[in-house]
């Protein structure tokens, strides 16, 4: 006998148990956000963001890539994860980070060039939403969303890039 959808259940659990699971996972994810920012902060300590064209002159100097690759290998992460965490941390000073918002959303909103706008965006979820989501952050920064057609009345925002001729942001 197949289960029927019910307002008092989500999948196989009661609404009450579902709320407990969500609360537990949010606490767990907050720890993950702190861990990812910790990786980014330490990577910034090892290799601060420098002006374009900056070159270290010394026999034994590592390139940024070499330093971050070494760090990644030593902590068991990919180079791209460490590089992304470093870049994200550089855009979010500690006092503007929001532990209840995922690191992914911080990373996506980091693309907002204006600091005031970026810092306000993390604190102000879209109308009717409890929190920022990756789809909302993608919409905010003009990227393609993972849920096409949910862009609140503007289908152009959710049109795949191969149909618009525009390239997605990196």
C-alpha atoms as a PDB file:
ATOM      1  CA  UNK A   1       0.000   0.000   0.000  1.00  0.00           C
ATOM      2  CA  UNK A   2       1.562   3.295  -1.101  1.00  0.00           C
ATOM      3  CA  UNK A   3       1.797   6.170   1.364  1.00  0.00           C
ATOM      4  CA  UNK A   4      -0.401   9.114   0.558  1.00  0.00           C
ATOM      5  CA  UNK A   5       0.807  12.699   0.924  1.00  0.00           C
ATOM      6  CA  UNK A   6      -0.332  14.201   4.193  1.00  0.00           C
ATOM      7  CA  UNK A   7      -0.094  17.622   5.777  1.00  0.00           C
ATOM      8  CA  UNK A   8       1.076  16.014   9.019  1.00  0.00           C
ATOM      9  CA  UNK A   9       3.970  14.058   7.485  1.00  0.00           C
ATOM     10  CA  UNK A  10       7.031  14.695   5.352  1.00  0.00           C
ATOM     11  CA  UNK A  11       8.088  11.465   3.726  1.00  0.00           C
ATOM     12  CA  UNK A  12       8.126   8.835   6.451  1.00  0.00           C
ATOM     13  CA  UNK A  13       8.318  11.214   9.433  1.00  0.00           C
ATOM     14  CA  UNK A  14       5.879  13.420  11.296  1.00  0.00           C
ATOM     15  CA  UNK A  15       5.972  17.201  10.840  1.00  0.00           C
ATOM     16  CA  UNK A  16       7.314  17.434  14.410  1.00  0.00           C
ATOM     17  CA  UNK A  17      10.167  14.994  13.687  1.00  0.00           C
ATOM     18  CA  UNK A  18      10.875  16.755  10.398  1.00  0.00           C
ATOM     19  CA  UNK A  19      11.264  20.077  12.278  1.00  0.00           C
ATOM     20  CA  UNK A  20      13.696  18.363  14.678  1.00  0.00           C
ATOM     21  CA  UNK A  21      15.724  16.987  11.759  1.00  0.00           C
ATOM     22  CA  UNK A  22      15.849  20.411  10.073  1.00  0.00           C
ATOM     23  CA  UNK A  23      17.011  22.085  13.311  1.00  0.00           C
ATOM     24  CA  UNK A  24      19.697  19.426  13.832  1.00  0.00           C
ATOM     25  CA  UNK A  25      20.958  19.718  10.255  1.00  0.00           C
ATOM     26  CA  UNK A  26      21.035  23.521  10.435  1.00  0.00           C
ATOM     27  CA  UNK A  27      23.261  23.300  13.538  1.00  0.00           C
ATOM     28  CA  UNK A  28      25.489  20.791  11.743  1.00  0.00           C
ATOM     29  CA  UNK A  29      25.687  22.981   8.648  1.00  0.00           C
ATOM     30  CA  UNK A  30      26.568  26.035  10.755  1.00  0.00           C
ATOM     31  CA  UNK A  31      29.602  24.073  11.965  1.00  0.00           C
ATOM     32  CA  UNK A  32      30.417  23.321   8.334  1.00  0.00           C
ATOM     33  CA  UNK A  33      30.198  27.008   7.417  1.00  0.00           C
ATOM     34  CA  UNK A  34      32.653  27.818  10.196  1.00  0.00           C
ATOM     35  CA  UNK A  35      34.976  25.031   9.062  1.00  0.00           C
ATOM     36  CA  UNK A  36      34.957  26.224   5.447  1.00  0.00           C
ATOM     37  CA  UNK A  37      35.643  29.808   6.490  1.00  0.00           C
ATOM     38  CA  UNK A  38      38.450  28.526   8.722  1.00  0.00           C
ATOM     39  CA  UNK A  39      40.062  26.844   5.692  1.00  0.00           C
ATOM     40  CA  UNK A  40      39.641  30.070   3.714  1.00  0.00           C
ATOM     41  CA  UNK A  41      41.043  32.241   6.501  1.00  0.00           C
ATOM     42  CA  UNK A  42      44.113  30.032   6.954  1.00  0.00           C
ATOM     43  CA  UNK A  43      44.662  29.922   3.179  1.00  0.00           C
ATOM     44  CA  UNK A  44      44.505  33.744   3.201  1.00  0.00           C
ATOM     45  CA  UNK A  45      47.056  33.800   5.987  1.00  0.00           C
ATOM     46  CA  UNK A  46      49.390  31.603   3.927  1.00  0.00           C
ATOM     47  CA  UNK A  47      48.674  33.444   0.670  1.00  0.00           C
ATOM     48  CA  UNK A  48      47.036  36.852   1.150  1.00  0.00           C
ATOM     49  CA  UNK A  49      45.164  38.319  -1.790  1.00  0.00           C
ATOM     50  CA  UNK A  50      47.627  40.604  -3.525  1.00  0.00           C
ATOM     51  CA  UNK A  51      47.426  43.282  -6.152  1.00  0.00           C
ATOM     52  CA  UNK A  52      47.393  42.005  -9.760  1.00  0.00           C
ATOM     53  CA  UNK A  53      50.931  41.590 -11.065  1.00  0.00           C
ATOM     54  CA  UNK A  54      52.504  41.192  -7.605  1.00  0.00           C
ATOM     55  CA  UNK A  55      55.589  38.984  -7.761  1.00  0.00           C
ATOM     56  CA  UNK A  56      57.639  37.680  -4.851  1.00  0.00           C
ATOM     57  CA  UNK A  57      61.346  37.799  -5.639  1.00  0.00           C
ATOM     58  CA  UNK A  58      63.196  35.000  -3.941  1.00  0.00           C
ATOM     59  CA  UNK A  59      64.758  31.680  -4.743  1.00  0.00           C
ATOM     60  CA  UNK A  60      62.529  29.617  -2.477  1.00  0.00           C
ATOM     61  CA  UNK A  61      59.272  31.474  -2.886  1.00  0.00           C
ATOM     62  CA  UNK A  62      56.242  29.362  -3.692  1.00  0.00           C
ATOM     63  CA  UNK A  63      53.675  30.466  -6.197  1.00  0.00           C
ATOM     64  CA  UNK A  64      50.166  30.940  -4.829  1.00  0.00           C
ATOM     65  CA  UNK A  65      49.056  27.800  -6.640  1.00  0.00           C
ATOM     66  CA  UNK A  66      51.912  25.745  -5.209  1.00  0.00           C
ATOM     67  CA  UNK A  67      51.217  26.977  -1.683  1.00  0.00           C
ATOM     68  CA  UNK A  68      47.506  26.267  -1.918  1.00  0.00           C
ATOM     69  CA  UNK A  69      48.106  22.874  -3.547  1.00  0.00           C
ATOM     70  CA  UNK A  70      50.440  21.944  -0.711  1.00  0.00           C
ATOM     71  CA  UNK A  71      47.893  23.076   1.885  1.00  0.00           C
ATOM     72  CA  UNK A  72      45.108  21.187   0.102  1.00  0.00           C
ATOM     73  CA  UNK A  73      47.142  17.991   0.016  1.00  0.00           C
ATOM     74  CA  UNK A  74      48.147  18.315   3.656  1.00  0.00           C
ATOM     75  CA  UNK A  75      44.547  18.714   4.851  1.00  0.00           C
ATOM     76  CA  UNK A  76      42.934  16.292   2.389  1.00  0.00           C
ATOM     77  CA  UNK A  77      40.964  18.753   0.277  1.00  0.00           C
ATOM     78  CA  UNK A  78      41.101  19.528  -3.422  1.00  0.00           C
ATOM     79  CA  UNK A  79      43.044  22.551  -4.628  1.00  0.00           C
ATOM     80  CA  UNK A  80      39.832  24.032  -6.038  1.00  0.00           C
ATOM     81  CA  UNK A  81      38.087  23.723  -2.637  1.00  0.00           C
ATOM     82  CA  UNK A  82      40.916  25.547  -0.873  1.00  0.00           C
ATOM     83  CA  UNK A  83      41.131  28.184  -3.626  1.00  0.00           C
ATOM     84  CA  UNK A  84      37.354  28.763  -3.473  1.00  0.00           C
ATOM     85  CA  UNK A  85      37.364  28.951   0.342  1.00  0.00           C
ATOM     86  CA  UNK A  86      40.224  31.488   0.218  1.00  0.00           C
ATOM     87  CA  UNK A  87      38.435  33.666  -2.326  1.00  0.00           C
ATOM     88  CA  UNK A  88      35.142  33.496  -0.428  1.00  0.00           C
ATOM     89  CA  UNK A  89      36.818  34.328   2.887  1.00  0.00           C
ATOM     90  CA  UNK A  90      38.513  37.317   1.228  1.00  0.00           C
ATOM     91  CA  UNK A  91      35.082  38.717   0.298  1.00  0.00           C
ATOM     92  CA  UNK A  92      33.474  38.123   3.709  1.00  0.00           C
ATOM     93  CA  UNK A  93      35.257  39.678   6.701  1.00  0.00           C
ATOM     94  CA  UNK A  94      34.349  37.768   9.888  1.00  0.00           C
ATOM     95  CA  UNK A  95      31.986  40.478  11.128  1.00  0.00           C
ATOM     96  CA  UNK A  96      29.836  40.168   7.976  1.00  0.00           C
ATOM     97  CA  UNK A  97      29.545  36.372   7.874  1.00  0.00           C
ATOM     98  CA  UNK A  98      26.271  34.724   8.761  1.00  0.00           C
ATOM     99  CA  UNK A  99      26.608  31.262  10.358  1.00  0.00           C
ATOM    100  CA  UNK A 100      22.974  30.401   9.572  1.00  0.00           C
ATOM    101  CA  UNK A 101      23.565  30.905   5.833  1.00  0.00           C
ATOM    102  CA  UNK A 102      25.409  28.206   3.891  1.00  0.00           C
ATOM    103  CA  UNK A 103      28.959  28.669   2.685  1.00  0.00           C
ATOM    104  CA  UNK A 104      27.631  28.077  -0.835  1.00  0.00           C
ATOM    105  CA  UNK A 105      25.376  31.129  -0.540  1.00  0.00           C
ATOM    106  CA  UNK A 106      28.281  33.190   0.849  1.00  0.00           C
ATOM    107  CA  UNK A 107      30.379  32.059  -2.135  1.00  0.00           C
ATOM    108  CA  UNK A 108      27.656  32.929  -4.642  1.00  0.00           C
ATOM    109  CA  UNK A 109      26.903  36.325  -3.101  1.00  0.00           C
ATOM    110  CA  UNK A 110      30.640  37.100  -2.976  1.00  0.00           C
ATOM    111  CA  UNK A 111      30.293  37.876  -6.684  1.00  0.00           C
ATOM    112  CA  UNK A 112      28.441  41.100  -5.775  1.00  0.00           C
ATOM    113  CA  UNK A 113      31.127  43.736  -6.290  1.00  0.00           C
ATOM    114  CA  UNK A 114      29.684  46.418  -4.026  1.00  0.00           C
ATOM    115  CA  UNK A 115      30.501  45.509  -0.414  1.00  0.00           C
ATOM    116  CA  UNK A 116      27.500  47.299   1.098  1.00  0.00           C
ATOM    117  CA  UNK A 117      25.136  45.528  -1.285  1.00  0.00           C
ATOM    118  CA  UNK A 118      26.861  42.181  -0.662  1.00  0.00           C
ATOM    119  CA  UNK A 119      26.722  42.512   3.124  1.00  0.00           C
ATOM    120  CA  UNK A 120      23.060  43.567   3.002  1.00  0.00           C
ATOM    121  CA  UNK A 121      22.158  40.691   0.665  1.00  0.00           C
ATOM    122  CA  UNK A 122      23.244  38.022   3.152  1.00  0.00           C
ATOM    123  CA  UNK A 123      21.019  39.524   5.861  1.00  0.00           C
ATOM    124  CA  UNK A 124      17.936  40.100   3.724  1.00  0.00           C
ATOM    125  CA  UNK A 125      16.409  36.948   2.262  1.00  0.00           C
ATOM    126  CA  UNK A 126      13.970  37.400  -0.607  1.00  0.00           C
ATOM    127  CA  UNK A 127      10.420  38.367   0.318  1.00  0.00           C
ATOM    128  CA  UNK A 128       8.507  35.406   1.654  1.00  0.00           C
ATOM    129  CA  UNK A 129      11.647  33.345   2.315  1.00  0.00           C
ATOM    130  CA  UNK A 130      13.046  32.482   5.730  1.00  0.00           C
ATOM    131  CA  UNK A 131      16.626  32.328   4.487  1.00  0.00           C
ATOM    132  CA  UNK A 132      18.824  32.709   1.439  1.00  0.00           C
ATOM    133  CA  UNK A 133      19.088  29.655  -0.824  1.00  0.00           C
ATOM    134  CA  UNK A 134      21.634  28.922  -3.555  1.00  0.00           C
ATOM    135  CA  UNK A 135      18.904  29.436  -6.190  1.00  0.00           C
ATOM    136  CA  UNK A 136      18.019  32.849  -4.738  1.00  0.00           C
ATOM    137  CA  UNK A 137      21.712  33.798  -4.536  1.00  0.00           C
ATOM    138  CA  UNK A 138      22.165  32.721  -8.162  1.00  0.00           C
ATOM    139  CA  UNK A 139      19.198  34.867  -9.199  1.00  0.00           C
ATOM    140  CA  UNK A 140      20.580  37.792  -7.212  1.00  0.00           C
ATOM    141  CA  UNK A 141      23.892  37.571  -9.061  1.00  0.00           C
ATOM    142  CA  UNK A 142      22.424  36.869 -12.514  1.00  0.00           C
ATOM    143  CA  UNK A 143      23.463  33.227 -12.722  1.00  0.00           C
ATOM    144  CA  UNK A 144      21.419  30.316 -14.008  1.00  0.00           C
ATOM    145  CA  UNK A 145      19.443  28.567 -11.272  1.00  0.00           C
ATOM    146  CA  UNK A 146      19.130  24.855 -10.643  1.00  0.00           C
ATOM    147  CA  UNK A 147      15.331  25.218 -10.696  1.00  0.00           C
ATOM    148  CA  UNK A 148      14.435  26.805 -14.027  1.00  0.00           C
ATOM    149  CA  UNK A 149      11.135  28.575 -14.221  1.00  0.00           C
ATOM    150  CA  UNK A 150      11.024  29.605 -10.568  1.00  0.00           C
ATOM    151  CA  UNK A 151      12.358  33.091 -11.028  1.00  0.00           C
ATOM    152  CA  UNK A 152       9.187  34.899  -9.971  1.00  0.00           C
ATOM    153  CA  UNK A 153       7.824  35.885 -13.330  1.00  0.00           C
ATOM    154  CA  UNK A 154      11.002  36.573 -15.274  1.00  0.00           C
ATOM    155  CA  UNK A 155      11.613  33.541 -17.502  1.00  0.00           C
ATOM    156  CA  UNK A 156      14.702  35.178 -19.000  1.00  0.00           C
ATOM    157  CA  UNK A 157      16.496  34.670 -15.687  1.00  0.00           C
ATOM    158  CA  UNK A 158      16.038  30.914 -15.833  1.00  0.00           C
ATOM    159  CA  UNK A 159      16.682  30.402 -19.545  1.00  0.00           C
ATOM    160  CA  UNK A 160      19.678  28.117 -20.096  1.00  0.00           C
ATOM    161  CA  UNK A 161      22.767  30.008 -21.270  1.00  0.00           C
ATOM    162  CA  UNK A 162      23.007  27.984 -24.492  1.00  0.00           C
ATOM    163  CA  UNK A 163      19.623  29.456 -25.509  1.00  0.00           C
ATOM    164  CA  UNK A 164      20.443  33.070 -24.625  1.00  0.00           C
ATOM    165  CA  UNK A 165      23.935  33.080 -26.075  1.00  0.00           C
ATOM    166  CA  UNK A 166      25.263  34.374 -22.739  1.00  0.00           C
ATOM    167  CA  UNK A 167      28.021  32.542 -20.946  1.00  0.00           C
ATOM    168  CA  UNK A 168      27.376  31.666 -17.288  1.00  0.00           C
ATOM    169  CA  UNK A 169      29.533  33.307 -14.641  1.00  0.00           C
ATOM    170  CA  UNK A 170      32.546  31.235 -13.531  1.00  0.00           C
END
